[in-house]
Amino acid sequence: MIPERIEDYARLMSDPESEVLQRLKRETQAKVLKPRMLSGHLQGKLLEMISLMHKPSRILEIGTFTGYSAICLAQGLTQDGLLHTIDHNPELEDFARHFFTQAGLQNKIIQHIGEALDVIPGMNEAFDLVFIDADKENYVTYFEMVFDKMPVGGIILADNVLWDGKIIRVPAPNDSETQGIIRFNQYIRDHKGVQKLLLPHRDGLSLIRKK
């Protein structure tokens, strides 16, 4: 196969998706609205690699969708590690659980259905790794809610921080999602308690380390 795009070349030079993830992606594209919300091959491998290097015992994911990113992140968990994932859509709960079981992770991943703003305060856990990929208006709030639950050296990943390039334009007054991402990016830029790197990969991924 001769790649036609740089992204195709990158996929060829990277580890392939597992069969479970390939099936999950196909099922998502066939049956679920807004399938582009799924992390996909390269970003999934990036999340997996970060988790494998960090070796977290507790992961929090805000925004499960169909479970692709949770499966990737769970690859780096310690032997007794757990991943908590939150989503507000009960219609996708069984869909994601089916693939967690297919991946052999049914005892490693705990699903929470509800609004993250309501679920997180009741969690009595210290999270080594957090992935924020939910409603953009609340990114700053989510960050503030989890920051004190993390040890020094803990990693927060935030997805969609380039938001289709809208972050470099003045947002419409009613565009709360773009406003939320701009507010989050500026908040992290000015935060004195973290080290940060915004990667222009896909729709933007921020890597944030607690000092």
Protein backbone atom coordinates (compact mmCIF):
# COMPACT_ATOMS: atom_id res chain seq x y z
CA MET A 1 0.00 0.00 0.00
CA ILE A 2 1.35 3.43 -0.98
CA PRO A 3 0.06 6.13 1.42
CA GLU A 4 -1.56 9.17 -0.14
CA ARG A 5 -1.42 11.39 2.93
CA ILE A 6 1.01 12.00 5.79
CA GLU A 7 -1.63 10.71 8.21
CA ASP A 8 -1.89 7.46 6.23
CA TYR A 9 1.90 7.10 6.40
CA ALA A 10 1.83 7.71 10.15
CA ARG A 11 -0.76 4.97 10.60
CA LEU A 12 1.34 2.55 8.54
CA MET A 13 4.39 3.28 10.69
CA SER A 14 2.47 2.86 13.96
CA ASP A 15 1.11 -0.18 15.77
CA PRO A 16 -2.22 -1.23 14.26
CA GLU A 17 -5.57 -0.97 15.98
CA SER A 18 -6.65 -4.07 17.86
CA GLU A 19 -9.45 -6.12 16.34
CA VAL A 20 -11.76 -4.98 19.14
CA LEU A 21 -11.09 -1.32 18.38
CA GLN A 22 -11.59 -1.91 14.67
CA ARG A 23 -14.99 -3.47 15.39
CA LEU A 24 -15.87 -0.68 17.82
CA LYS A 25 -15.04 1.94 15.19
CA ARG A 26 -17.11 0.20 12.52
CA GLU A 27 -20.09 -0.18 14.84
CA THR A 28 -19.83 3.45 15.93
CA GLN A 29 -19.75 4.67 12.34
CA ALA A 30 -22.71 2.49 11.41
CA LYS A 31 -24.99 3.01 14.41
CA VAL A 32 -24.11 6.15 16.39
CA LEU A 33 -24.67 9.82 15.67
CA LYS A 34 -21.58 12.03 15.33
CA PRO A 35 -19.09 9.15 14.91
CA ARG A 36 -16.24 11.63 14.36
CA MET A 37 -16.26 12.14 18.14
CA LEU A 38 -14.47 8.79 18.40
CA SER A 39 -10.74 9.17 19.12
CA GLY A 40 -9.55 6.98 16.26
CA HIS A 41 -6.35 5.11 15.49
CA LEU A 42 -3.55 7.65 15.93
CA GLN A 43 -5.03 9.55 18.85
CA GLY A 44 -5.97 6.29 20.48
CA LYS A 45 -2.39 5.09 20.20
CA LEU A 46 -1.18 8.39 21.65
CA LEU A 47 -3.50 8.00 24.66
CA GLU A 48 -2.38 4.40 25.05
CA MET A 49 1.29 5.36 24.91
CA ILE A 50 0.90 8.13 27.50
CA SER A 51 -0.89 5.72 29.82
CA LEU A 52 1.72 2.99 29.32
CA MET A 53 4.50 5.45 30.16
CA HIS A 54 2.70 6.95 33.16
CA LYS A 55 1.46 3.61 34.60
CA PRO A 56 -1.55 5.07 36.44
CA SER A 57 -3.43 3.17 39.12
CA ARG A 58 -6.49 5.39 38.77
CA ILE A 59 -7.75 7.08 35.60
CA LEU A 60 -10.75 9.38 35.20
CA GLU A 61 -12.29 9.90 31.78
CA ILE A 62 -14.89 12.65 31.38
CA GLY A 63 -16.83 11.71 28.24
CA THR A 64 -17.07 8.00 27.39
CA PHE A 65 -18.91 8.17 24.05
CA THR A 66 -18.65 4.60 22.68
CA GLY A 67 -15.61 3.57 24.72
CA TYR A 68 -12.71 3.76 22.26
CA SER A 69 -10.53 6.11 24.30
CA ALA A 70 -11.30 4.30 27.57
CA ILE A 71 -10.00 1.04 26.09
CA CYS A 72 -6.83 2.80 24.92
CA LEU A 73 -6.20 4.52 28.24
CA ALA A 74 -6.83 1.35 30.23
CA GLN A 75 -3.87 -0.38 28.54
CA GLY A 76 -1.43 1.37 30.88
CA LEU A 77 -3.22 0.68 34.16
CA THR A 78 -1.31 -1.03 36.94
CA GLN A 79 -2.31 -4.59 37.80
CA ASP A 80 -4.84 -3.41 40.40
CA GLY A 81 -5.71 -0.22 38.50
CA LEU A 82 -9.17 1.09 37.62
CA LEU A 83 -10.54 3.53 35.08
CA HIS A 84 -13.67 5.51 35.90
CA THR A 85 -15.49 6.88 32.87
CA ILE A 86 -18.45 9.28 32.92
CA ASP A 87 -21.04 9.95 30.24
CA HIS A 88 -24.41 11.66 30.35
CA ASN A 89 -25.96 9.50 27.61
CA PRO A 90 -27.51 6.27 28.98
CA GLU A 91 -28.24 5.06 25.45
CA LEU A 92 -24.53 4.37 24.89
CA GLU A 93 -23.89 2.59 28.19
CA ASP A 94 -24.54 -0.95 26.93
CA PHE A 95 -22.76 -0.25 23.64
CA ALA A 96 -19.56 0.76 25.45
CA ARG A 97 -19.85 -2.02 28.04
CA HIS A 98 -20.09 -4.63 25.26
CA PHE A 99 -16.74 -3.55 23.87
CA PHE A 100 -15.14 -3.23 27.31
CA THR A 101 -16.03 -6.89 27.79
CA GLN A 102 -14.76 -7.79 24.31
CA ALA A 103 -11.44 -6.14 25.26
CA GLY A 104 -11.29 -8.10 28.54
CA LEU A 105 -11.52 -4.88 30.56
CA GLN A 106 -14.92 -5.36 32.21
CA ASN A 107 -13.26 -5.55 35.64
CA LYS A 108 -10.97 -2.59 34.98
CA ILE A 109 -13.48 0.00 33.77
CA ILE A 110 -16.26 1.46 35.92
CA GLN A 111 -19.00 3.30 34.03
CA HIS A 112 -20.87 6.23 35.51
CA ILE A 113 -24.00 7.56 33.80
CA GLY A 114 -24.90 11.13 34.65
CA GLU A 115 -23.60 14.67 34.49
CA ALA A 116 -19.90 14.83 35.35
CA LEU A 117 -20.55 17.97 37.39
CA ASP A 118 -22.70 15.83 39.68
CA VAL A 119 -20.67 12.61 39.60
CA ILE A 120 -17.13 13.90 40.24
CA PRO A 121 -17.75 15.43 43.69
CA GLY A 122 -18.84 12.02 44.99
CA MET A 123 -15.66 10.27 43.87
CA ASN A 124 -13.29 9.48 46.71
CA GLU A 125 -10.29 8.69 44.52
CA ALA A 126 -6.88 10.17 43.75
CA PHE A 127 -6.46 10.15 39.96
CA ASP A 128 -3.05 9.80 38.32
CA LEU A 129 -4.40 10.47 34.83
CA VAL A 130 -7.48 12.42 33.69
CA PHE A 131 -8.87 12.72 30.15
CA ILE A 132 -11.32 15.57 29.54
CA ASP A 133 -13.41 15.12 26.40
CA ALA A 134 -16.92 16.33 27.15
CA ASP A 135 -18.96 19.55 26.90
CA LYS A 136 -16.55 22.34 26.11
CA GLU A 137 -18.32 24.98 28.18
CA ASN A 138 -17.26 23.20 31.38
CA TYR A 139 -13.61 22.36 30.67
CA VAL A 140 -12.33 24.88 33.23
CA THR A 141 -14.79 23.62 35.82
CA TYR A 142 -13.81 20.00 35.20
CA PHE A 143 -10.15 20.90 35.54
CA GLU A 144 -10.74 22.65 38.84
CA MET A 145 -12.83 19.74 40.13
CA VAL A 146 -10.15 17.12 39.45
CA PHE A 147 -6.98 19.12 40.13
CA ASP A 148 -7.12 18.67 43.90
CA LYS A 149 -7.81 14.96 43.44
CA MET A 150 -4.47 14.49 41.71
CA PRO A 151 -0.94 13.99 43.07
CA VAL A 152 2.06 16.01 41.99
CA GLY A 153 3.10 14.60 38.62
CA GLY A 154 -0.48 13.73 37.70
CA ILE A 155 -1.41 14.18 34.04
CA ILE A 156 -4.50 15.85 32.62
CA LEU A 157 -5.26 15.45 28.91
CA ALA A 158 -7.81 17.75 27.26
CA ASP A 159 -9.17 16.98 23.80
CA ASN A 160 -10.47 19.29 21.04
CA VAL A 161 -8.51 22.30 22.26
CA LEU A 162 -8.10 23.63 18.69
CA TRP A 163 -11.82 23.18 17.99
CA ASP A 164 -11.64 23.14 14.19
CA GLY A 165 -9.52 26.31 14.25
CA LYS A 166 -12.32 28.38 15.76
CA ILE A 167 -10.07 29.33 18.68
CA ILE A 168 -8.12 31.83 16.53
CA ARG A 169 -11.27 33.72 15.53
CA VAL A 170 -13.63 35.86 17.54
CA PRO A 171 -16.48 33.51 18.53
CA ALA A 172 -20.12 34.39 17.97
CA PRO A 173 -21.88 35.60 21.12
CA ASN A 174 -23.99 32.44 21.23
CA ASP A 175 -21.10 30.03 20.54
CA SER A 176 -20.59 28.84 24.11
CA GLU A 177 -18.48 25.83 23.11
CA THR A 178 -15.83 27.89 21.33
CA GLN A 179 -15.88 30.43 24.15
CA GLY A 180 -15.37 27.58 26.61
CA ILE A 181 -12.35 26.19 24.78
CA ILE A 182 -10.76 29.65 24.42
CA ARG A 183 -11.33 30.27 28.13
CA PHE A 184 -9.80 26.89 29.02
CA ASN A 185 -6.72 27.35 26.84
CA GLN A 186 -6.04 30.77 28.33
CA TYR A 187 -6.68 29.46 31.84
CA ILE A 188 -4.12 26.67 31.39
CA ARG A 189 -1.62 29.04 29.75
CA ASP A 190 -1.71 31.28 32.84
CA HIS A 191 -1.90 28.53 35.47
CA LYS A 192 1.21 28.56 37.67
CA GLY A 193 0.71 25.07 39.05
CA VAL A 194 1.15 23.12 35.84
CA GLN A 195 3.47 22.40 32.94
CA LYS A 196 1.65 22.36 29.64
CA LEU A 197 1.99 21.45 25.98
CA LEU A 198 -0.69 21.91 23.31
CA LEU A 199 -0.20 19.42 20.51
CA PRO A 200 -1.66 20.36 17.08
CA HIS A 201 -2.60 16.73 16.49
CA ARG A 202 -6.05 16.09 15.00
CA ASP A 203 -8.32 18.63 16.75
CA GLY A 204 -5.72 19.57 19.37
CA LEU A 205 -4.70 17.74 22.55
CA SER A 206 -3.33 19.49 25.64
CA LEU A 207 -0.91 17.62 27.89
CA ILE A 208 -0.91 19.15 31.36
CA ARG A 209 1.28 18.00 34.27
CA LYS A 210 0.66 19.02 37.87
CA LYS A 211 3.77 20.54 39.46
